[in-house]
């Protein structure tokens, strides 16, 4: 069993989190377990229910 799929992200965190690069709001992609910053064109991973808000860890949106 994969811990990343068993621990869910608390959506209330979205109210407090912003993109570290653009300071814009984020969208939650439950399927990919990512927080999306459309302003910066980045997707931040969520691992074990914890968002990894490091630009170096983010993937570039297509």
C-alpha atoms as a PDB file:
ATOM      1  CA  UNK A   1       0.000   0.000   0.000  1.00  0.00           C
ATOM      2  CA  UNK A   2       1.327   3.419  -0.973  1.00  0.00           C
ATOM      3  CA  UNK A   3       1.265   6.038   1.814  1.00  0.00           C
ATOM      4  CA  UNK A   4       0.818   8.836  -0.721  1.00  0.00           C
ATOM      5  CA  UNK A   5      -2.612   7.506  -1.679  1.00  0.00           C
ATOM      6  CA  UNK A   6      -3.783   6.735   1.858  1.00  0.00           C
ATOM      7  CA  UNK A   7      -3.073  10.172   3.355  1.00  0.00           C
ATOM      8  CA  UNK A   8      -5.340  12.867   1.991  1.00  0.00           C
ATOM      9  CA  UNK A   9      -4.594  16.537   1.561  1.00  0.00           C
ATOM     10  CA  UNK A  10      -6.552  18.923   3.802  1.00  0.00           C
ATOM     11  CA  UNK A  11      -8.202  21.342   1.367  1.00  0.00           C
ATOM     12  CA  UNK A  12      -8.424  23.993   4.089  1.00  0.00           C
ATOM     13  CA  UNK A  13      -4.676  24.442   3.623  1.00  0.00           C
ATOM     14  CA  UNK A  14      -5.410  26.061   0.243  1.00  0.00           C
ATOM     15  CA  UNK A  15      -6.691  29.134   2.055  1.00  0.00           C
ATOM     16  CA  UNK A  16      -3.271  29.696   3.637  1.00  0.00           C
ATOM     17  CA  UNK A  17      -0.943  28.535   0.856  1.00  0.00           C
ATOM     18  CA  UNK A  18       0.241  30.594  -2.097  1.00  0.00           C
ATOM     19  CA  UNK A  19       2.744  29.918  -4.835  1.00  0.00           C
ATOM     20  CA  UNK A  20       6.266  30.669  -3.542  1.00  0.00           C
ATOM     21  CA  UNK A  21       7.254  32.096  -6.931  1.00  0.00           C
ATOM     22  CA  UNK A  22       4.241  34.171  -8.040  1.00  0.00           C
ATOM     23  CA  UNK A  23       2.439  34.559  -4.691  1.00  0.00           C
ATOM     24  CA  UNK A  24      -0.791  33.661  -6.535  1.00  0.00           C
ATOM     25  CA  UNK A  25      -3.478  31.297  -5.272  1.00  0.00           C
ATOM     26  CA  UNK A  26      -3.268  27.576  -5.964  1.00  0.00           C
ATOM     27  CA  UNK A  27      -5.655  24.975  -7.358  1.00  0.00           C
ATOM     28  CA  UNK A  28      -5.816  21.415  -6.023  1.00  0.00           C
ATOM     29  CA  UNK A  29      -5.560  18.510  -8.461  1.00  0.00           C
ATOM     30  CA  UNK A  30      -6.786  15.517  -6.439  1.00  0.00           C
ATOM     31  CA  UNK A  31      -6.077  12.995  -9.187  1.00  0.00           C
ATOM     32  CA  UNK A  32      -2.409  13.968  -9.557  1.00  0.00           C
ATOM     33  CA  UNK A  33      -1.982  14.998  -5.898  1.00  0.00           C
ATOM     34  CA  UNK A  34      -0.559  18.386  -6.832  1.00  0.00           C
ATOM     35  CA  UNK A  35      -1.125  22.044  -6.116  1.00  0.00           C
ATOM     36  CA  UNK A  36      -1.256  24.013  -9.341  1.00  0.00           C
ATOM     37  CA  UNK A  37       0.029  27.552  -9.780  1.00  0.00           C
ATOM     38  CA  UNK A  38      -1.326  28.698 -13.126  1.00  0.00           C
ATOM     39  CA  UNK A  39       0.386  32.087 -12.708  1.00  0.00           C
ATOM     40  CA  UNK A  40       3.836  30.477 -12.445  1.00  0.00           C
ATOM     41  CA  UNK A  41       3.066  27.476 -14.663  1.00  0.00           C
ATOM     42  CA  UNK A  42       4.123  25.070 -11.915  1.00  0.00           C
ATOM     43  CA  UNK A  43       2.659  22.022 -10.182  1.00  0.00           C
ATOM     44  CA  UNK A  44       3.802  21.341  -6.622  1.00  0.00           C
ATOM     45  CA  UNK A  45       3.644  17.716  -5.448  1.00  0.00           C
ATOM     46  CA  UNK A  46       1.756  16.561  -2.371  1.00  0.00           C
ATOM     47  CA  UNK A  47       3.532  13.718  -0.593  1.00  0.00           C
ATOM     48  CA  UNK A  48       1.942  11.889   2.323  1.00  0.00           C
ATOM     49  CA  UNK A  49      -0.614  14.685   2.593  1.00  0.00           C
ATOM     50  CA  UNK A  50       2.074  17.391   2.800  1.00  0.00           C
ATOM     51  CA  UNK A  51       2.484  19.929  -0.014  1.00  0.00           C
ATOM     52  CA  UNK A  52       6.102  20.350  -1.106  1.00  0.00           C
ATOM     53  CA  UNK A  53       6.228  24.083  -1.819  1.00  0.00           C
ATOM     54  CA  UNK A  54       9.737  24.210  -3.264  1.00  0.00           C
ATOM     55  CA  UNK A  55      10.206  25.545  -6.794  1.00  0.00           C
ATOM     56  CA  UNK A  56      13.001  23.000  -7.309  1.00  0.00           C
ATOM     57  CA  UNK A  57      10.533  20.162  -6.557  1.00  0.00           C
ATOM     58  CA  UNK A  58       7.750  21.504  -8.809  1.00  0.00           C
ATOM     59  CA  UNK A  59       7.128  20.319 -12.326  1.00  0.00           C
ATOM     60  CA  UNK A  60       6.504  22.682 -15.204  1.00  0.00           C
ATOM     61  CA  UNK A  61       2.967  22.642 -16.577  1.00  0.00           C
ATOM     62  CA  UNK A  62       2.567  21.608 -20.203  1.00  0.00           C
END
